[in-house]
Amino acid sequence: MTTAADRKAIVAWCLFDWANSAFPTVVITFVFAAYFVKGVVGDEIAGTAMWGQAMGLSALVVAVLSPILGAIADRSGRRKPWLLASTVGAVVASALLWRVTPDPSSVILALLLCAGGNIAFEIGMVFYNAMLPDLVTGRRIGRVSGWGWGLGYVGGLVCLICVLYGFVEASPPPFGLDPTAAEHIRAAGPFVAIWFAIFSLPLFLLTPDRARSGMPAADAVRQGIRSLWSTLKGVRAHRNVLRFLIARMIYTDGLNTLFAFGGLYAAGTFGMSFSELIKFGIGMNVAAGLGAFAFAWIDDRAGPKRVIHASLIALTVLGAAILVVRDVELFWLIGLSLGLFIGPAQSASRSLMARLAPADMRTEMFGLYALSGKATAFLGPILVGALTAWADSQRAGMAVILLFFIIGGLLMVRVSETPEIIEA
């Protein structure tokens, strides 16, 4: 039976998704990415290529660090201190985006802050995701994971609305912001920082953490790295988990690339203004949130594997359609339909990992889970950036994403939903 304290802990955990979604939604996808290309660089093709390289390198750093830090956290016991450190990193990077002026001299600063903030955000997700199995039983994991993703999309939606009507379209802009210096757009960075900091507090105050192991920090580092190395060497003993992680590595690369370039594609190919882009982002977040909430119950009843497969098929078909349409109204229709399946693909993946991971290796396994989401994540952005520059076409570059969905879906066929059993 769920107590009031348990319910508060679950709500606080889900609310962290509401808090942190502001960063990828506003900074990485819809506002600062487009501002970087159109306002800072001033060249859609060159800006897209540079953004792709920066996001790719940040993903490579996450891929290397996540499993190591996850293994260390499993030995030290607590996860909140690690999550707090990564949250502070993302908040500080967001706040400093105010200093990115609409001038090519700000290119390096913009890329360093966005890539650094992305590293902090993604590493934090390792510890956040690993807390889920300790909060709820297996039969409710899919539901709570879906609620978290859904609330995250709602949070991203509300944050985008605040940025749109509070800053971008405000006339005159508040606080004496100067539109000629893009201050009404740059203010989105500090706003995200405040949003992230405030709404993440309930998790740190109300959601329980595991007990400290009492192991000295140096020993936790040594044993964590040793354990990770042992796990990597003996990964064949976790064959089903390995199959899932490889499949997820591929299709999540497609999802991450879609997030990193979706706003750039809408702005460059369809000429959307910042206001139109934010409105499109609002619509996408509504659709994705509805999808995550709706599929949360399907996950627990039909299983996360079916949810993942259905989502990947829909993303492939709709993604192909959005690359060939020329009419902006059709782009809106197909884009919002595509959004319905983004949330379920992510939520069901987290749910399946929580079911498969051995109880004493959850943070370590979620570190490998993060690795699977980032090991080749540099490949998608780099390929999109390179093909965009080579073909002088965003449509050609974005077509790469479909291959990741198709290959990942095919690899999921051999994945079983049964809990992890060590094979001899």
Protein backbone atom coordinates (compact mmCIF):
# COMPACT_ATOMS: atom_id res chain seq x y z
CA MET A 1 0.00 0.00 0.00
CA THR A 2 1.32 3.44 -0.97
CA THR A 3 1.64 5.85 1.97
CA ALA A 4 1.34 9.65 1.84
CA ALA A 5 5.13 9.88 2.21
CA ASP A 6 5.59 7.47 -0.72
CA ARG A 7 3.21 9.52 -2.88
CA LYS A 8 5.08 12.73 -2.04
CA ALA A 9 8.35 11.07 -2.93
CA ILE A 10 7.00 9.88 -6.28
CA VAL A 11 5.47 13.27 -7.12
CA ALA A 12 8.74 15.02 -6.19
CA TRP A 13 10.68 12.58 -8.37
CA CYS A 14 8.34 13.19 -11.33
CA LEU A 15 8.54 16.94 -10.77
CA PHE A 16 12.28 16.81 -11.46
CA ASP A 17 11.36 15.90 -15.06
CA TRP A 18 9.25 19.08 -15.11
CA ALA A 19 12.28 21.02 -13.83
CA ASN A 20 15.03 19.68 -16.07
CA SER A 21 12.98 19.56 -19.30
CA ALA A 22 13.39 23.33 -19.59
CA PHE A 23 17.04 22.88 -20.54
CA PRO A 24 16.75 20.51 -23.54
CA THR A 25 13.52 22.13 -24.70
CA VAL A 26 14.51 25.80 -24.58
CA VAL A 27 18.30 25.64 -24.90
CA ILE A 28 19.12 22.58 -27.00
CA THR A 29 16.09 22.30 -29.28
CA PHE A 30 13.85 25.29 -29.85
CA VAL A 31 15.30 28.64 -28.75
CA PHE A 32 19.05 28.83 -28.25
CA ALA A 33 19.89 26.38 -31.02
CA ALA A 34 18.01 28.54 -33.53
CA TYR A 35 19.39 31.75 -32.00
CA PHE A 36 22.92 30.36 -32.36
CA VAL A 37 22.42 29.58 -36.05
CA LYS A 38 20.45 32.66 -37.08
CA GLY A 39 21.61 35.29 -34.59
CA VAL A 40 25.16 34.37 -33.58
CA VAL A 41 26.58 32.63 -36.67
CA GLY A 42 24.22 34.16 -39.22
CA ASP A 43 24.61 31.23 -41.63
CA GLU A 44 22.17 28.32 -41.43
CA ILE A 45 24.44 25.74 -43.07
CA ALA A 46 27.64 26.67 -41.21
CA GLY A 47 25.75 27.11 -37.93
CA THR A 48 24.06 23.71 -38.25
CA ALA A 49 27.43 22.03 -38.91
CA MET A 50 29.09 23.70 -35.88
CA TRP A 51 26.14 22.89 -33.62
CA GLY A 52 26.25 19.27 -34.72
CA GLN A 53 29.94 18.94 -33.93
CA ALA A 54 29.53 20.51 -30.48
CA MET A 55 26.57 18.31 -29.56
CA GLY A 56 28.39 15.27 -30.88
CA LEU A 57 31.47 15.96 -28.74
CA SER A 58 29.33 16.57 -25.64
CA ALA A 59 27.63 13.22 -26.24
CA LEU A 60 31.02 11.52 -26.46
CA VAL A 61 32.03 12.96 -23.06
CA VAL A 62 28.75 11.73 -21.54
CA ALA A 63 29.31 8.28 -23.05
CA VAL A 64 32.71 8.00 -21.37
CA LEU A 65 31.82 9.44 -17.96
CA SER A 66 28.31 8.07 -17.31
CA PRO A 67 29.06 4.38 -16.67
CA ILE A 68 32.14 5.25 -14.59
CA LEU A 69 30.25 7.68 -12.35
CA GLY A 70 27.30 5.28 -12.13
CA ALA A 71 29.53 2.45 -10.93
CA ILE A 72 31.17 4.72 -8.34
CA ALA A 73 27.74 5.86 -7.08
CA ASP A 74 26.64 2.25 -6.63
CA ARG A 75 29.60 1.68 -4.31
CA SER A 76 29.25 4.95 -2.35
CA GLY A 77 25.50 4.39 -1.91
CA ARG A 78 23.96 7.82 -2.35
CA ARG A 79 22.80 9.30 -5.66
CA LYS A 80 21.51 12.73 -4.65
CA PRO A 81 24.94 14.39 -4.22
CA TRP A 82 25.85 13.39 -7.78
CA LEU A 83 22.49 14.58 -9.08
CA LEU A 84 22.87 17.88 -7.21
CA ALA A 85 26.32 18.51 -8.69
CA SER A 86 25.10 17.89 -12.24
CA THR A 87 22.01 20.05 -11.67
CA VAL A 88 24.17 22.94 -10.49
CA GLY A 89 26.35 22.55 -13.58
CA ALA A 90 23.39 22.76 -15.96
CA VAL A 91 21.88 25.69 -14.05
CA VAL A 92 25.12 27.71 -14.14
CA ALA A 93 25.65 27.02 -17.85
CA SER A 94 22.09 28.15 -18.60
CA ALA A 95 22.49 31.37 -16.60
CA LEU A 96 25.72 32.26 -18.42
CA LEU A 97 23.99 32.05 -21.82
CA TRP A 98 22.98 35.64 -21.17
CA ARG A 99 26.52 36.56 -22.23
CA VAL A 100 26.08 35.10 -25.74
CA THR A 101 25.62 38.22 -27.86
CA PRO A 102 24.38 38.19 -31.50
CA ASP A 103 27.87 38.37 -32.93
CA PRO A 104 30.27 35.78 -34.39
CA SER A 105 32.69 36.58 -31.55
CA SER A 106 30.29 34.70 -29.22
CA VAL A 107 30.39 31.43 -31.19
CA ILE A 108 32.95 29.68 -28.98
CA LEU A 109 31.29 30.80 -25.75
CA ALA A 110 27.87 29.65 -26.97
CA LEU A 111 29.15 26.22 -27.98
CA LEU A 112 31.09 25.73 -24.74
CA LEU A 113 28.13 26.67 -22.55
CA CYS A 114 25.56 24.63 -24.49
CA ALA A 115 27.83 21.57 -24.75
CA GLY A 116 28.91 21.84 -21.10
CA GLY A 117 25.33 22.27 -19.91
CA ASN A 118 24.30 19.29 -22.01
CA ILE A 119 27.01 17.14 -20.40
CA ALA A 120 25.82 18.09 -16.91
CA PHE A 121 22.17 17.51 -17.83
CA GLU A 122 22.75 14.08 -19.36
CA ILE A 123 25.01 12.82 -16.56
CA GLY A 124 22.40 13.91 -14.03
CA MET A 125 19.85 11.71 -15.78
CA VAL A 126 21.93 8.63 -14.90
CA PHE A 127 21.37 9.16 -11.17
CA TYR A 128 17.81 10.40 -11.60
CA ASN A 129 16.75 7.35 -13.64
CA ALA A 130 18.46 4.96 -11.22
CA MET A 131 16.22 6.21 -8.39
CA LEU A 132 13.04 4.95 -10.11
CA PRO A 133 13.17 1.23 -9.17
CA ASP A 134 13.66 2.15 -5.50
CA LEU A 135 10.47 4.23 -5.48
CA VAL A 136 7.92 1.83 -7.01
CA THR A 137 7.34 -1.87 -7.57
CA GLY A 138 7.88 -3.52 -10.94
CA ARG A 139 4.21 -3.53 -11.88
CA ARG A 140 4.02 0.27 -11.58
CA ILE A 141 7.38 1.25 -13.04
CA GLY A 142 5.99 1.89 -16.53
CA ARG A 143 3.21 4.08 -15.14
CA VAL A 144 5.46 6.26 -12.99
CA SER A 145 8.11 6.50 -15.71
CA GLY A 146 5.42 7.65 -18.13
CA TRP A 147 4.08 10.18 -15.63
CA GLY A 148 7.58 11.59 -15.25
CA TRP A 149 8.14 11.90 -18.99
CA GLY A 150 4.67 13.37 -19.46
CA LEU A 151 5.18 15.91 -16.70
CA GLY A 152 8.53 16.76 -18.26
CA TYR A 153 6.89 17.60 -21.55
CA VAL A 154 4.29 19.70 -19.77
CA GLY A 155 7.11 21.51 -17.97
CA GLY A 156 8.88 22.16 -21.26
CA LEU A 157 5.59 23.42 -22.68
CA VAL A 158 4.93 25.84 -19.83
CA CYS A 159 8.52 27.08 -19.92
CA LEU A 160 8.29 27.72 -23.67
CA ILE A 161 5.04 29.64 -23.19
CA CYS A 162 6.69 31.79 -20.52
CA VAL A 163 9.67 32.49 -22.79
CA LEU A 164 7.44 33.27 -25.79
CA TYR A 165 4.96 35.61 -24.18
CA GLY A 166 7.12 36.83 -21.33
CA PHE A 167 10.19 37.74 -23.40
CA VAL A 168 10.25 37.03 -27.16
CA GLU A 169 6.86 38.55 -28.10
CA ALA A 170 6.54 40.97 -25.18
CA SER A 171 6.20 44.57 -26.40
CA PRO A 172 8.00 46.24 -24.88
CA PRO A 173 10.19 43.48 -23.41
CA PRO A 174 10.28 43.39 -19.60
CA PHE A 175 13.11 44.73 -17.42
CA GLY A 176 14.21 47.16 -20.15
CA LEU A 177 15.60 44.35 -22.34
CA ASP A 178 17.01 45.58 -25.66
CA PRO A 179 15.71 43.62 -28.70
CA THR A 180 18.44 45.07 -30.93
CA ALA A 181 20.99 43.20 -28.79
CA ALA A 182 18.74 40.08 -28.71
CA GLU A 183 18.41 40.50 -24.95
CA HIS A 184 14.77 39.37 -25.08
CA ILE A 185 16.02 36.03 -26.49
CA ARG A 186 19.20 35.77 -24.41
CA ALA A 187 17.09 36.17 -21.27
CA ALA A 188 15.76 32.67 -21.91
CA GLY A 189 19.04 31.28 -20.50
CA PRO A 190 18.76 32.81 -17.02
CA PHE A 191 15.03 32.04 -17.01
CA VAL A 192 15.77 28.34 -17.61
CA ALA A 193 18.37 28.44 -14.82
CA ILE A 194 15.85 29.82 -12.32
CA TRP A 195 13.16 27.36 -13.47
CA PHE A 196 15.50 24.36 -13.18
CA ALA A 197 16.78 25.41 -9.74
CA ILE A 198 13.37 26.06 -8.17
CA PHE A 199 11.45 23.03 -9.43
CA SER A 200 14.24 20.55 -8.72
CA LEU A 201 14.13 21.34 -4.98
CA PRO A 202 11.22 18.94 -4.12
CA LEU A 203 13.27 15.92 -5.23
CA PHE A 204 16.19 16.87 -3.01
CA LEU A 205 13.85 17.56 -0.06
CA LEU A 206 11.21 14.81 -0.34
CA THR A 207 12.51 11.86 -2.36
CA PRO A 208 14.54 9.40 -0.26
CA ASP A 209 18.04 8.42 -1.24
CA ARG A 210 19.85 5.19 -0.54
CA ALA A 211 21.87 5.07 2.65
CA ARG A 212 25.52 6.02 2.55
CA SER A 213 27.61 2.87 2.28
CA GLY A 214 30.28 4.22 4.61
CA MET A 215 32.94 3.35 2.08
CA PRO A 216 35.72 5.99 1.83
CA ALA A 217 35.53 8.04 -1.36
CA ALA A 218 38.84 6.74 -2.71
CA ASP A 219 37.74 3.13 -2.14
CA ALA A 220 34.38 3.82 -3.83
CA VAL A 221 36.18 5.18 -6.88
CA ARG A 222 38.55 2.21 -7.07
CA GLN A 223 35.85 -0.40 -6.50
CA GLY A 224 33.41 1.36 -8.81
CA ILE A 225 35.88 1.40 -11.69
CA ARG A 226 36.91 -2.19 -10.94
CA SER A 227 33.24 -3.26 -10.89
CA LEU A 228 32.52 -1.47 -14.15
CA TRP A 229 35.51 -3.08 -15.80
CA SER A 230 34.35 -6.47 -14.54
CA THR A 231 30.85 -5.82 -15.86
CA LEU A 232 32.16 -4.77 -19.27
CA LYS A 233 34.40 -7.84 -19.46
CA GLY A 234 31.56 -10.13 -18.40
CA VAL A 235 28.83 -8.38 -20.34
CA ARG A 236 28.06 -11.61 -22.20
CA ALA A 237 26.57 -12.86 -18.92
CA HIS A 238 23.96 -10.12 -19.30
CA ARG A 239 23.12 -10.92 -22.91
CA ASN A 240 19.54 -9.71 -22.88
CA VAL A 241 20.51 -6.39 -21.31
CA LEU A 242 23.31 -6.10 -23.86
CA ARG A 243 20.90 -6.67 -26.75
CA PHE A 244 18.61 -3.97 -25.41
CA LEU A 245 21.43 -1.49 -24.82
CA ILE A 246 22.75 -1.95 -28.37
CA ALA A 247 19.28 -1.48 -29.87
CA ARG A 248 18.67 1.57 -27.69
CA MET A 249 22.07 2.96 -28.61
CA ILE A 250 20.93 3.11 -32.23
CA TYR A 251 17.37 4.40 -31.98
CA THR A 252 18.18 6.86 -29.18
CA ASP A 253 20.86 8.33 -31.42
CA GLY A 254 18.02 9.08 -33.83
CA LEU A 255 15.92 10.67 -31.08
CA ASN A 256 18.81 12.76 -29.74
CA THR A 257 19.65 13.98 -33.22
CA LEU A 258 16.01 14.83 -33.83
CA PHE A 259 16.01 16.94 -30.64
CA ALA A 260 19.28 18.64 -31.51
CA PHE A 261 18.25 19.57 -35.05
CA GLY A 262 14.44 19.72 -35.03
CA GLY A 263 14.35 23.43 -34.29
CA LEU A 264 17.15 24.17 -36.76
CA TYR A 265 15.29 22.26 -39.49
CA ALA A 266 12.04 24.13 -38.86
CA ALA A 267 13.84 27.47 -38.85
CA GLY A 268 16.09 26.83 -41.84
CA THR A 269 13.89 24.82 -44.21
CA PHE A 270 10.53 26.43 -43.44
CA GLY A 271 11.82 29.86 -42.45
CA MET A 272 10.10 29.90 -39.06
CA SER A 273 10.68 32.97 -36.93
CA PHE A 274 11.63 32.65 -33.26
CA SER A 275 7.99 33.18 -32.27
CA GLU A 276 6.73 30.55 -34.74
CA LEU A 277 9.46 28.17 -33.65
CA ILE A 278 8.48 28.46 -30.00
CA LYS A 279 4.81 27.94 -30.88
CA PHE A 280 5.77 24.81 -32.79
CA GLY A 281 7.79 23.68 -29.78
CA ILE A 282 4.77 24.25 -27.56
CA GLY A 283 2.66 22.09 -29.86
CA MET A 284 5.31 19.35 -29.92
CA ASN A 285 5.50 19.30 -26.13
CA VAL A 286 1.70 19.03 -25.85
CA ALA A 287 1.70 16.10 -28.26
CA ALA A 288 4.68 14.37 -26.63
CA GLY A 289 3.21 14.82 -23.14
CA LEU A 290 -0.13 13.37 -24.22
CA GLY A 291 1.67 10.44 -25.81
CA ALA A 292 3.76 9.73 -22.70
CA PHE A 293 0.71 9.86 -20.40
CA ALA A 294 -1.45 7.72 -22.73
CA PHE A 295 1.18 5.01 -23.25
CA ALA A 296 2.10 4.82 -19.55
CA TRP A 297 -0.75 2.37 -18.85
CA ILE A 298 -0.13 0.49 -22.10
CA ASP A 299 3.47 0.00 -20.96
CA ASP A 300 2.36 -1.79 -17.77
CA ARG A 301 -0.29 -3.86 -19.58
CA ALA A 302 1.25 -4.72 -22.96
CA GLY A 303 4.90 -4.33 -22.01
CA PRO A 304 7.53 -1.69 -22.83
CA LYS A 305 8.91 -3.61 -25.82
CA ARG A 306 5.65 -3.30 -27.74
CA VAL A 307 5.46 0.39 -26.91
CA ILE A 308 9.01 0.93 -28.19
CA HIS A 309 8.34 -0.96 -31.43
CA ALA A 310 5.08 0.88 -32.15
CA SER A 311 6.74 4.21 -31.45
CA LEU A 312 9.73 3.52 -33.72
CA ILE A 313 7.50 2.45 -36.61
CA ALA A 314 5.42 5.60 -36.27
CA LEU A 315 8.51 7.81 -35.97
CA THR A 316 9.99 6.30 -39.12
CA VAL A 317 6.85 6.75 -41.24
CA LEU A 318 6.07 10.25 -39.99
CA GLY A 319 9.73 11.27 -40.10
CA ALA A 320 9.95 10.27 -43.78
CA ALA A 321 6.80 12.26 -44.51
CA ILE A 322 8.07 15.41 -42.80
CA LEU A 323 11.22 15.38 -44.92
CA VAL A 324 9.33 15.52 -48.22
CA VAL A 325 6.51 17.96 -47.48
CA ARG A 326 6.90 21.53 -48.70
CA ASP A 327 3.75 23.03 -47.23
CA VAL A 328 4.21 24.56 -43.77
CA GLU A 329 0.69 23.52 -42.66
CA LEU A 330 1.48 19.89 -43.49
CA PHE A 331 4.76 20.25 -41.63
CA TRP A 332 2.83 21.34 -38.55
CA LEU A 333 0.34 18.46 -38.85
CA ILE A 334 2.95 15.76 -39.34
CA GLY A 335 5.32 17.25 -36.78
CA LEU A 336 2.68 17.27 -34.05
CA SER A 337 1.67 13.71 -34.94
CA LEU A 338 5.32 12.67 -34.70
CA GLY A 339 5.49 14.23 -31.25
CA LEU A 340 2.91 11.77 -29.93
CA PHE A 341 5.44 8.92 -30.22
CA ILE A 342 8.61 10.60 -28.91
CA GLY A 343 7.60 10.49 -25.24
CA PRO A 344 6.49 6.82 -25.25
CA ALA A 345 9.74 5.68 -26.89
CA GLN A 346 11.78 7.36 -24.16
CA SER A 347 9.56 6.42 -21.23
CA ALA A 348 9.24 2.76 -22.23
CA SER A 349 13.02 2.51 -22.66
CA ARG A 350 13.57 3.71 -19.09
CA SER A 351 10.85 1.36 -17.88
CA LEU A 352 12.41 -1.65 -19.63
CA MET A 353 15.87 -0.88 -18.23
CA ALA A 354 14.44 -0.61 -14.71
CA ARG A 355 12.85 -4.06 -15.14
CA LEU A 356 15.98 -5.71 -16.55
CA ALA A 357 18.72 -4.26 -14.32
CA PRO A 358 19.92 -6.42 -11.38
CA ALA A 359 18.95 -4.73 -8.09
CA ASP A 360 22.53 -4.38 -6.81
CA MET A 361 23.78 -2.84 -10.07
CA ARG A 362 21.04 -0.35 -10.92
CA THR A 363 23.05 2.87 -11.02
CA GLU A 364 25.87 1.11 -12.83
CA MET A 365 23.40 -0.34 -15.31
CA PHE A 366 21.80 3.05 -15.79
CA GLY A 367 25.32 4.35 -16.38
CA LEU A 368 25.60 1.78 -19.17
CA TYR A 369 22.10 2.84 -20.20
CA ALA A 370 23.37 6.41 -20.52
CA LEU A 371 26.39 5.07 -22.39
CA SER A 372 24.07 3.28 -24.80
CA GLY A 373 22.27 6.56 -25.36
CA LYS A 374 25.52 8.42 -25.99
CA ALA A 375 28.11 5.94 -27.25
CA THR A 376 27.26 6.77 -30.86
CA ALA A 377 25.33 9.97 -30.14
CA PHE A 378 28.18 11.96 -31.61
CA LEU A 379 27.62 10.09 -34.88
CA GLY A 380 24.11 11.39 -35.60
CA PRO A 381 24.85 15.11 -35.14
CA ILE A 382 28.16 14.83 -36.98
CA LEU A 383 26.54 12.97 -39.90
CA VAL A 384 23.67 15.45 -40.09
CA GLY A 385 26.08 18.37 -39.96
CA ALA A 386 28.42 16.83 -42.57
CA LEU A 387 25.65 15.79 -44.99
CA THR A 388 23.93 19.15 -44.60
CA ALA A 389 27.16 20.91 -45.54
CA TRP A 390 27.98 18.45 -48.37
CA ALA A 391 24.53 18.51 -49.98
CA ASP A 392 23.84 22.12 -48.99
CA SER A 393 20.46 20.84 -47.80
CA GLN A 394 18.99 20.33 -44.34
CA ARG A 395 16.54 17.76 -45.75
CA ALA A 396 19.40 15.53 -46.91
CA GLY A 397 21.15 15.77 -43.55
CA MET A 398 18.02 15.03 -41.51
CA ALA A 399 17.29 11.88 -43.54
CA VAL A 400 20.05 10.12 -41.57
CA ILE A 401 17.73 10.01 -38.55
CA LEU A 402 15.38 7.52 -40.21
CA LEU A 403 18.13 4.91 -40.52
CA PHE A 404 18.71 4.98 -36.76
CA PHE A 405 15.00 4.31 -36.09
CA ILE A 406 14.85 1.42 -38.57
CA ILE A 407 18.02 -0.32 -37.40
CA GLY A 408 17.17 0.14 -33.72
CA GLY A 409 13.70 -1.30 -34.23
CA LEU A 410 15.07 -4.36 -35.98
CA LEU A 411 17.57 -5.00 -33.18
CA MET A 412 14.78 -4.79 -30.56
CA VAL A 413 13.16 -7.91 -32.00
CA ARG A 414 15.56 -10.20 -30.08
CA VAL A 415 15.18 -8.39 -26.75
CA SER A 416 13.20 -10.17 -24.02
CA GLU A 417 11.19 -8.35 -21.35
CA THR A 418 11.98 -10.92 -18.66
CA PRO A 419 14.09 -9.68 -15.70
CA GLU A 420 17.82 -10.09 -15.95
CA ILE A 421 19.04 -13.64 -15.34
CA ILE A 422 22.76 -14.26 -15.24
CA GLU A 423 23.72 -16.84 -17.82
CA ALA A 424 26.51 -19.28 -17.25
